[in-house]
Amino acid sequence: MTKKTSLSPALWFIPLIAVLLAALFTLLFVLGKYLYQGAVKASSTPVKTVQRPQVPVQAPIVPFVEAEEQEPVLPPEVEIPEPDFTVTDTAPEDICSATSVPVKIQKPKRARPVTPFEQGLEQCLAGGTFPCAWEDNSKGVVKQYWLMGPQGAVQRGIYDMGGNLISETIATLSGTVERFTEHNTTWYFQAGVLHQIRTSPYDNCNLHDWFFINPAGKQDVCQCAFTQQDCCARSPYKESEPLEYCRRFPLDSDFCR
């Protein structure tokens, strides 16, 4: 006798699962293919565009107008009012009276009288004849002047009433003294500043002693006609005295006004 064999339920379940999975994958494949073909078909279908008929547009015709010449436009005339010089009694209001500075009143200068020296100099220059001479004896002495040329120099001699020479001065036309001689001493100036002194203390008028003053006002060189140790001691110069002519001789009314 033969025995019948039977399969267990677990062995039946495995083939059933396999069949179900195969059916599911087949269904998904068919569905995906259908969707893909529909998308391709839709993209390949040409889209018809409606073209509107083009109507040519003509530009408007503008008639030619010849430009008229216009005169240039001038600015309007402005009438400038004349200044009013009417004097009013009301004074302007002082806004800053607390900080204002009083104005210094300039007093008119009195006209300086023309001296006989200046009057004679003007007349000689106007006459144009050189050398030209004039004289002034209004102050108890006799002053004689000579203008050597239209550019100077001016020479002045002062004498006492007996005709004896007191002093002699040589100056430029502008009044700057260059040399002044009094008694036996001559003072030499450059631009009105003393720089040399000459004395003539000897019977021989050709013999002189020279003394030189530097710009600092110091006597630095002495030259005497006769060699002697006290040559510089014979100098009439004193360092305490000013170097400018008009400070040394301020009473000279002709050249120190």
Protein backbone atom coordinates (compact mmCIF):
# COMPACT_ATOMS: atom_id res chain seq x y z
CA MET A 1 0.00 0.00 0.00
CA THR A 2 1.26 3.46 -0.84
CA LYS A 3 1.04 6.46 1.50
CA LYS A 4 -0.37 9.81 0.29
CA THR A 5 1.86 12.85 1.02
CA SER A 6 0.30 16.39 1.70
CA LEU A 7 1.97 19.87 1.41
CA SER A 8 2.08 22.10 4.45
CA PRO A 9 0.26 25.53 4.37
CA ALA A 10 3.58 27.47 4.63
CA LEU A 11 4.71 26.05 1.31
CA TRP A 12 1.51 27.23 -0.37
CA PHE A 13 1.88 30.80 0.87
CA ILE A 14 5.24 31.48 -0.85
CA PRO A 15 4.09 30.86 -4.49
CA LEU A 16 0.99 32.99 -3.82
CA ILE A 17 3.07 35.99 -2.69
CA ALA A 18 5.30 35.67 -5.75
CA VAL A 19 2.32 35.69 -8.09
CA LEU A 20 0.86 38.82 -6.41
CA LEU A 21 4.17 40.75 -6.63
CA ALA A 22 4.56 39.87 -10.32
CA ALA A 23 1.05 41.14 -11.03
CA LEU A 24 1.70 44.40 -9.11
CA PHE A 25 4.95 45.15 -10.98
CA THR A 26 3.26 44.41 -14.33
CA LEU A 27 0.46 46.84 -13.52
CA LEU A 28 2.90 49.59 -12.49
CA PHE A 29 4.93 49.07 -15.67
CA VAL A 30 1.88 49.39 -17.96
CA LEU A 31 0.62 52.49 -16.10
CA GLY A 32 4.04 54.23 -16.31
CA LYS A 33 4.39 53.48 -20.01
CA TYR A 34 0.96 54.95 -20.72
CA LEU A 35 1.75 58.15 -18.87
CA TYR A 36 5.13 58.57 -20.61
CA GLN A 37 3.64 58.17 -24.12
CA GLY A 38 0.94 60.72 -23.33
CA ALA A 39 3.51 63.30 -22.22
CA VAL A 40 5.65 62.79 -25.34
CA LYS A 41 2.64 63.13 -27.60
CA ALA A 42 1.54 66.32 -25.96
CA SER A 43 4.96 67.95 -26.31
CA SER A 44 5.35 67.01 -29.99
CA THR A 45 1.96 68.40 -31.08
CA PRO A 46 2.56 71.78 -32.90
CA VAL A 47 0.70 74.79 -31.49
CA LYS A 48 -0.97 76.92 -34.10
CA THR A 49 -0.54 80.65 -33.63
CA VAL A 50 -2.99 83.13 -35.01
CA GLN A 51 -1.22 85.79 -37.05
CA ARG A 52 -2.95 89.15 -37.30
CA PRO A 53 -2.75 90.92 -40.62
CA GLN A 54 -0.19 93.74 -40.48
CA VAL A 55 -1.56 97.10 -41.56
CA PRO A 56 1.15 99.59 -42.61
CA VAL A 57 1.11 102.70 -40.46
CA GLN A 58 1.95 105.92 -42.25
CA ALA A 59 3.62 108.81 -40.43
CA PRO A 60 1.57 112.02 -40.37
CA ILE A 61 2.53 114.51 -43.05
CA VAL A 62 3.74 117.79 -41.53
CA PRO A 63 3.82 120.76 -43.91
CA PHE A 64 7.19 122.59 -44.17
CA VAL A 65 7.12 126.00 -42.54
CA GLU A 66 10.03 128.35 -43.11
CA ALA A 67 11.41 129.68 -39.81
CA GLU A 68 11.03 133.38 -39.37
CA GLU A 69 14.05 135.40 -38.31
CA GLN A 70 13.53 136.77 -34.82
CA GLU A 71 15.34 139.69 -33.33
CA PRO A 72 17.42 138.87 -30.25
CA VAL A 73 15.59 139.37 -27.04
CA LEU A 74 17.22 142.20 -25.09
CA PRO A 75 17.05 142.42 -21.32
CA PRO A 76 14.47 144.85 -20.07
CA GLU A 77 15.71 148.31 -19.35
CA VAL A 78 16.01 148.98 -15.66
CA GLU A 79 15.72 152.51 -14.52
CA ILE A 80 18.35 153.26 -11.89
CA PRO A 81 17.06 155.74 -9.36
CA GLU A 82 19.25 158.74 -8.75
CA PRO A 83 20.86 158.86 -5.30
CA ASP A 84 19.11 161.03 -2.80
CA PHE A 85 21.51 163.41 -1.12
CA THR A 86 18.83 165.03 1.00
CA VAL A 87 20.09 165.71 4.50
CA THR A 88 17.67 164.59 7.15
CA ASP A 89 17.61 165.53 10.77
CA THR A 90 17.13 161.99 12.00
CA ALA A 91 20.36 160.12 12.68
CA PRO A 92 20.57 156.39 11.83
CA GLU A 93 20.05 154.05 14.71
CA ASP A 94 23.28 152.76 16.23
CA ILE A 95 22.79 149.01 16.49
CA CYS A 96 26.15 148.18 18.06
CA SER A 97 26.73 151.26 20.19
CA ALA A 98 28.12 149.16 23.03
CA THR A 99 30.98 147.75 20.93
CA SER A 100 31.57 150.58 18.43
CA VAL A 101 34.93 152.34 18.36
CA PRO A 102 34.83 156.15 18.31
CA VAL A 103 36.18 157.61 15.11
CA LYS A 104 39.24 159.78 15.54
CA ILE A 105 38.63 163.19 14.05
CA GLN A 106 41.40 164.20 11.67
CA LYS A 107 42.17 167.86 12.19
CA PRO A 108 43.14 169.68 9.01
CA LYS A 109 46.84 170.35 8.86
CA ARG A 110 47.92 173.92 8.63
CA ALA A 111 49.69 174.82 5.44
CA ARG A 112 53.42 175.05 6.09
CA PRO A 113 54.82 178.38 4.91
CA VAL A 114 57.27 178.22 2.06
CA THR A 115 60.79 179.08 3.22
CA PRO A 116 63.12 181.39 1.25
CA PHE A 117 65.27 178.32 0.52
CA GLU A 118 62.35 176.41 -1.06
CA GLN A 119 61.11 179.46 -2.94
CA GLY A 120 64.54 180.15 -4.44
CA LEU A 121 64.99 176.47 -5.35
CA GLU A 122 61.66 176.40 -7.21
CA GLN A 123 62.51 179.58 -9.11
CA CYS A 124 65.90 178.25 -10.16
CA LEU A 125 64.41 174.96 -11.38
CA ALA A 126 61.72 176.84 -13.29
CA GLY A 127 64.29 179.19 -14.85
CA GLY A 128 66.50 176.38 -16.15
CA THR A 129 69.73 178.39 -16.05
CA PHE A 130 72.59 176.82 -14.07
CA PRO A 131 74.42 177.38 -11.88
CA CYS A 132 71.71 179.42 -10.19
CA ALA A 133 72.11 181.42 -6.97
CA TRP A 134 69.86 183.15 -4.42
CA GLU A 135 70.22 184.64 -0.94
CA ASP A 136 68.38 184.87 2.39
CA ASN A 137 69.31 187.30 5.18
CA SER A 138 66.11 187.25 7.25
CA LYS A 139 67.52 185.67 10.44
CA GLY A 140 70.49 187.81 11.34
CA VAL A 141 72.89 185.87 9.12
CA VAL A 142 73.47 185.74 5.39
CA LYS A 143 72.62 182.45 3.67
CA GLN A 144 73.80 182.08 0.10
CA TYR A 145 72.60 179.14 -2.04
CA TRP A 146 73.81 177.70 -5.33
CA LEU A 147 72.03 175.11 -7.47
CA MET A 148 74.70 173.53 -9.66
CA GLY A 149 72.37 171.76 -12.13
CA PRO A 150 68.82 170.45 -12.67
CA GLN A 151 69.73 167.30 -10.69
CA GLY A 152 71.70 169.11 -7.95
CA ALA A 153 73.79 169.42 -5.94
CA VAL A 154 72.63 172.25 -3.66
CA GLN A 155 75.36 174.22 -1.90
CA ARG A 156 74.74 176.56 1.04
CA GLY A 157 77.13 178.96 2.74
CA ILE A 158 76.22 180.74 6.01
CA TYR A 159 78.10 183.98 6.80
CA ASP A 160 77.94 186.45 9.64
CA MET A 161 77.22 190.09 8.98
CA GLY A 162 80.94 190.73 8.65
CA GLY A 163 81.19 188.28 5.74
CA ASN A 164 83.01 185.55 7.66
CA LEU A 165 82.11 181.97 6.74
CA ILE A 166 80.37 180.08 9.57
CA SER A 167 79.42 176.80 7.87
CA GLU A 168 79.07 175.18 4.48
CA THR A 169 76.61 172.45 3.46
CA ILE A 170 76.27 170.31 0.33
CA ALA A 171 73.02 168.36 -0.17
CA THR A 172 71.10 166.54 -2.86
CA LEU A 173 68.17 168.07 -4.68
CA SER A 174 65.82 166.11 -2.38
CA GLY A 175 67.42 167.71 0.70
CA THR A 176 69.66 164.90 1.96
CA VAL A 177 72.85 166.37 3.39
CA GLU A 178 76.07 164.78 2.11
CA ARG A 179 78.68 167.10 3.64
CA PHE A 180 78.69 169.68 6.40
CA THR A 181 81.69 171.85 7.31
CA GLU A 182 81.91 173.98 10.44
CA HIS A 183 85.14 175.68 11.59
CA ASN A 184 87.93 173.16 10.81
CA THR A 185 85.78 169.98 10.82
CA THR A 186 83.90 168.36 7.91
CA TRP A 187 81.26 165.66 8.47
CA TYR A 188 80.56 163.26 5.59
CA PHE A 189 77.22 161.45 5.31
CA GLN A 190 75.94 158.57 3.18
CA ALA A 191 72.13 158.57 2.80
CA GLY A 192 72.03 160.99 5.72
CA VAL A 193 74.18 158.79 8.03
CA LEU A 194 77.63 159.83 9.25
CA HIS A 195 80.53 157.65 8.03
CA GLN A 196 83.63 159.93 7.89
CA ILE A 197 85.05 162.96 9.70
CA ARG A 198 87.90 165.17 8.48
CA THR A 199 89.67 167.75 10.62
CA SER A 200 92.19 170.41 9.57
CA PRO A 201 93.99 171.47 12.72
CA TYR A 202 97.20 172.51 10.96
CA ASP A 203 98.45 175.78 9.54
CA ASN A 204 98.90 174.01 6.22
CA CYS A 205 95.39 173.68 4.79
CA ASN A 206 96.40 170.61 2.80
CA LEU A 207 97.03 168.54 5.92
CA HIS A 208 94.06 166.65 7.43
CA ASP A 209 93.22 163.99 9.99
CA TRP A 210 90.66 161.36 8.97
CA PHE A 211 88.38 159.34 11.23
CA PHE A 212 86.10 156.54 9.93
CA ILE A 213 82.87 155.34 11.55
CA ASN A 214 81.40 151.92 10.71
CA PRO A 215 77.63 151.31 10.30
CA ALA A 216 77.44 150.12 13.91
CA GLY A 217 78.46 153.59 15.08
CA LYS A 218 81.98 152.60 16.16
CA GLN A 219 85.07 154.59 15.20
CA ASP A 220 87.36 151.91 13.78
CA VAL A 221 90.09 153.68 11.72
CA CYS A 222 92.08 156.85 12.40
CA GLN A 223 94.56 158.45 9.97
CA CYS A 224 96.46 161.54 11.11
CA ALA A 225 98.66 163.75 8.95
CA PHE A 226 101.50 163.25 11.42
CA THR A 227 102.11 159.85 12.95
CA GLN A 228 101.27 160.00 16.63
CA GLN A 229 99.99 157.53 19.19
CA ASP A 230 96.98 159.62 20.22
CA CYS A 231 95.55 160.01 16.69
CA CYS A 232 92.10 158.56 17.56
CA ALA A 233 92.00 160.72 20.69
CA ARG A 234 91.98 163.78 18.44
CA SER A 235 88.68 162.71 16.87
CA PRO A 236 85.65 164.96 17.56
CA TYR A 237 83.32 161.95 17.30
CA LYS A 238 81.48 160.70 20.37
CA GLU A 239 79.63 157.39 20.22
CA SER A 240 76.85 158.79 22.39
CA GLU A 241 75.89 161.22 19.61
CA PRO A 242 73.45 160.16 16.84
CA LEU A 243 74.69 159.33 13.35
CA GLU A 244 71.84 160.96 11.37
CA TYR A 245 72.40 164.53 10.22
CA CYS A 246 69.01 165.87 11.29
CA ARG A 247 69.39 164.35 14.74
CA ARG A 248 72.85 165.88 15.15
CA PHE A 249 71.76 169.27 13.78
CA PRO A 250 67.98 169.47 14.35
CA LEU A 251 67.90 173.31 14.12
CA ASP A 252 68.76 173.27 10.40
CA SER A 253 65.45 174.61 9.06
CA ASP A 254 66.48 174.24 5.39
CA PHE A 255 67.15 170.46 5.34
CA CYS A 256 65.47 169.24 8.55
CA ARG A 257 61.79 170.22 8.40
